Amino acid sequence: MGLSQMREAAVRMQAHLLVIYNINSDIFEEYRLFKENQVKAFSTCEVAILDTKTGILPYTNVLTRKLLIDANSSDADMSETRKRAEIEVSKDCLNELGLSISDYFNEI
């Protein structure tokens, strides 16, 4: 969906602001012989706030977070560990973006 289509949809819903975000994740595994395996996850979150009346982007931000976790005995296999790492790092990144948006609006 293009920016103009998103703006048109927001105007039809009578929204004054539109929050657009994107999350990209990368996961790397480290297999260890005598210790628990580890998973390193990176998440890059992009956010933009669109003013639907003027069509400008008054706020944009990009954050990258990383997380290193060990495999748990409760994980059935490494795919569950990878998914858990991806969810945790994305949640951390989105939480930080939410705080930065809140700080931006408090400054205004």
C-alpha atoms as a PDB file:
ATOM      1  CA  MET A   1       0.000   0.000   0.000  1.00  0.00           C
ATOM      2  CA  GLY A   2       1.383   3.365  -0.950  1.00  0.00           C
ATOM      3  CA  LEU A   3       1.601   6.452   1.247  1.00  0.00           C
ATOM      4  CA  SER A   4      -1.194   8.223  -0.618  1.00  0.00           C
ATOM      5  CA  GLN A   5      -3.486   5.206  -0.233  1.00  0.00           C
ATOM      6  CA  MET A   6      -2.750   5.005   3.496  1.00  0.00           C
ATOM      7  CA  ARG A   7      -3.448   8.721   3.860  1.00  0.00           C
ATOM      8  CA  GLU A   8      -6.717   8.396   1.956  1.00  0.00           C
ATOM      9  CA  ALA A   9      -7.828   5.472   4.153  1.00  0.00           C
ATOM     10  CA  ALA A  10      -6.958   7.422   7.315  1.00  0.00           C
ATOM     11  CA  VAL A  11      -8.923  10.457   6.099  1.00  0.00           C
ATOM     12  CA  ARG A  12     -11.950   8.270   5.378  1.00  0.00           C
ATOM     13  CA  MET A  13     -11.765   6.967   8.941  1.00  0.00           C
ATOM     14  CA  GLN A  14     -11.458  10.602  10.134  1.00  0.00           C
ATOM     15  CA  ALA A  15      -8.074   9.935  11.753  1.00  0.00           C
ATOM     16  CA  HIS A  16      -5.801  12.911  12.300  1.00  0.00           C
ATOM     17  CA  LEU A  17      -2.614  10.879  12.643  1.00  0.00           C
ATOM     18  CA  LEU A  18      -1.445   7.647  11.107  1.00  0.00           C
ATOM     19  CA  VAL A  19       1.339   5.541  12.639  1.00  0.00           C
ATOM     20  CA  ILE A  20       3.271   3.512  10.057  1.00  0.00           C
ATOM     21  CA  TYR A  21       5.823   0.971  11.243  1.00  0.00           C
ATOM     22  CA  ASN A  22       8.001  -1.810   9.884  1.00  0.00           C
ATOM     23  CA  ILE A  23       9.940  -4.538  11.719  1.00  0.00           C
ATOM     24  CA  ASN A  24      12.858  -6.502  10.243  1.00  0.00           C
ATOM     25  CA  SER A  25      14.567  -9.265  12.217  1.00  0.00           C
ATOM     26  CA  ASP A  26      17.707 -11.345  11.787  1.00  0.00           C
ATOM     27  CA  ILE A  27      18.569 -14.391  13.855  1.00  0.00           C
ATOM     28  CA  PHE A  28      21.935 -16.071  14.304  1.00  0.00           C
ATOM     29  CA  GLU A  29      22.505 -19.361  16.114  1.00  0.00           C
ATOM     30  CA  GLU A  30      25.584 -20.415  18.046  1.00  0.00           C
ATOM     31  CA  TYR A  31      25.877 -24.126  18.665  1.00  0.00           C
ATOM     32  CA  ARG A  32      28.059 -25.005  21.639  1.00  0.00           C
ATOM     33  CA  LEU A  33      29.247 -28.463  22.572  1.00  0.00           C
ATOM     34  CA  PHE A  34      29.229 -28.478  26.396  1.00  0.00           C
ATOM     35  CA  LYS A  35      26.890 -25.547  27.109  1.00  0.00           C
ATOM     36  CA  GLU A  36      23.403 -24.497  26.135  1.00  0.00           C
ATOM     37  CA  ASN A  37      23.090 -23.257  22.556  1.00  0.00           C
ATOM     38  CA  GLN A  38      22.610 -19.524  22.129  1.00  0.00           C
ATOM     39  CA  VAL A  39      20.551 -17.414  19.754  1.00  0.00           C
ATOM     40  CA  LYS A  40      21.370 -13.810  18.901  1.00  0.00           C
ATOM     41  CA  ALA A  41      18.478 -11.809  17.476  1.00  0.00           C
ATOM     42  CA  PHE A  42      18.588  -8.355  15.902  1.00  0.00           C
ATOM     43  CA  SER A  43      15.496  -6.271  15.251  1.00  0.00           C
ATOM     44  CA  THR A  44      15.298  -3.028  13.304  1.00  0.00           C
ATOM     45  CA  CYS A  45      12.080  -1.066  13.776  1.00  0.00           C
ATOM     46  CA  GLU A  46      11.112   1.916  11.658  1.00  0.00           C
ATOM     47  CA  VAL A  47       8.252   4.244  12.520  1.00  0.00           C
ATOM     48  CA  ALA A  48       6.738   7.307  10.882  1.00  0.00           C
ATOM     49  CA  ILE A  49       3.801   9.423  11.960  1.00  0.00           C
ATOM     50  CA  LEU A  50       1.759  10.908   9.136  1.00  0.00           C
ATOM     51  CA  ASP A  51      -0.365  14.024   9.622  1.00  0.00           C
ATOM     52  CA  THR A  52      -3.385  13.233   7.446  1.00  0.00           C
ATOM     53  CA  LYS A  53      -4.453  16.872   7.073  1.00  0.00           C
ATOM     54  CA  THR A  54      -1.160  18.203   5.695  1.00  0.00           C
ATOM     55  CA  GLY A  55       0.399  14.988   4.405  1.00  0.00           C
ATOM     56  CA  ILE A  56       3.728  15.590   6.136  1.00  0.00           C
ATOM     57  CA  LEU A  57       5.710  13.247   8.360  1.00  0.00           C
ATOM     58  CA  PRO A  58       6.443  15.250  11.539  1.00  0.00           C
ATOM     59  CA  TYR A  59       8.184  12.332  13.263  1.00  0.00           C
ATOM     60  CA  THR A  60      10.305   9.418  12.055  1.00  0.00           C
ATOM     61  CA  ASN A  61      12.648   7.119  13.929  1.00  0.00           C
ATOM     62  CA  VAL A  62      14.689   3.964  13.343  1.00  0.00           C
ATOM     63  CA  LEU A  63      15.898   1.746  16.188  1.00  0.00           C
ATOM     64  CA  THR A  64      17.974  -1.423  16.220  1.00  0.00           C
ATOM     65  CA  ARG A  65      18.065  -3.746  19.200  1.00  0.00           C
ATOM     66  CA  LYS A  66      19.872  -7.022  19.848  1.00  0.00           C
ATOM     67  CA  LEU A  67      19.281  -9.846  22.288  1.00  0.00           C
ATOM     68  CA  LEU A  68      21.332 -12.898  23.205  1.00  0.00           C
ATOM     69  CA  ILE A  69      19.443 -15.770  24.856  1.00  0.00           C
ATOM     70  CA  ASP A  70      20.247 -19.340  25.821  1.00  0.00           C
ATOM     71  CA  ALA A  71      18.142 -22.298  24.799  1.00  0.00           C
ATOM     72  CA  ASN A  72      15.802 -23.441  27.590  1.00  0.00           C
ATOM     73  CA  SER A  73      14.972 -26.998  28.505  1.00  0.00           C
ATOM     74  CA  SER A  74      11.305 -26.068  27.912  1.00  0.00           C
ATOM     75  CA  ASP A  75      12.071 -25.346  24.226  1.00  0.00           C
ATOM     76  CA  ALA A  76      11.364 -28.388  22.077  1.00  0.00           C
ATOM     77  CA  ASP A  77      14.017 -27.431  19.528  1.00  0.00           C
ATOM     78  CA  MET A  78      16.050 -24.484  18.267  1.00  0.00           C
ATOM     79  CA  SER A  79      13.160 -23.159  16.190  1.00  0.00           C
ATOM     80  CA  GLU A  80      11.240 -22.369  19.397  1.00  0.00           C
ATOM     81  CA  THR A  81      14.307 -20.636  20.815  1.00  0.00           C
ATOM     82  CA  ARG A  82      14.693 -18.606  17.617  1.00  0.00           C
ATOM     83  CA  LYS A  83      11.025 -17.605  17.679  1.00  0.00           C
ATOM     84  CA  ARG A  84      11.211 -16.657  21.363  1.00  0.00           C
ATOM     85  CA  ALA A  85      14.285 -14.494  20.707  1.00  0.00           C
ATOM     86  CA  GLU A  86      12.634 -12.817  17.723  1.00  0.00           C
ATOM     87  CA  ILE A  87       9.486 -12.014  19.704  1.00  0.00           C
ATOM     88  CA  GLU A  88      11.414 -10.658  22.694  1.00  0.00           C
ATOM     89  CA  VAL A  89      13.724  -8.407  20.678  1.00  0.00           C
ATOM     90  CA  SER A  90      10.840  -7.086  18.544  1.00  0.00           C
ATOM     91  CA  LYS A  91       8.809  -6.380  21.681  1.00  0.00           C
ATOM     92  CA  ASP A  92      11.748  -4.493  23.199  1.00  0.00           C
ATOM     93  CA  CYS A  93      12.228  -2.480  20.015  1.00  0.00           C
ATOM     94  CA  LEU A  94       8.536  -1.567  19.728  1.00  0.00           C
ATOM     95  CA  ASN A  95       8.400  -0.634  23.404  1.00  0.00           C
ATOM     96  CA  GLU A  96      11.346   1.733  22.931  1.00  0.00           C
ATOM     97  CA  LEU A  97       9.692   3.254  19.851  1.00  0.00           C
ATOM     98  CA  GLY A  98       6.482   3.793  21.798  1.00  0.00           C
ATOM     99  CA  LEU A  99       8.401   5.625  24.502  1.00  0.00           C
ATOM    100  CA  SER A 100      10.151   7.818  21.931  1.00  0.00           C
ATOM    101  CA  ILE A 101       6.812   8.702  20.295  1.00  0.00           C
ATOM    102  CA  SER A 102       5.364   9.522  23.716  1.00  0.00           C
ATOM    103  CA  ASP A 103       8.356  11.761  24.490  1.00  0.00           C
ATOM    104  CA  TYR A 104       7.914  13.518  21.141  1.00  0.00           C
ATOM    105  CA  PHE A 105       4.261  14.308  21.803  1.00  0.00           C
ATOM    106  CA  ASN A 106       5.019  15.431  25.376  1.00  0.00           C
ATOM    107  CA  GLU A 107       7.551  17.945  24.003  1.00  0.00           C
ATOM    108  CA  ILE A 108       4.960  19.478  21.683  1.00  0.00           C
END
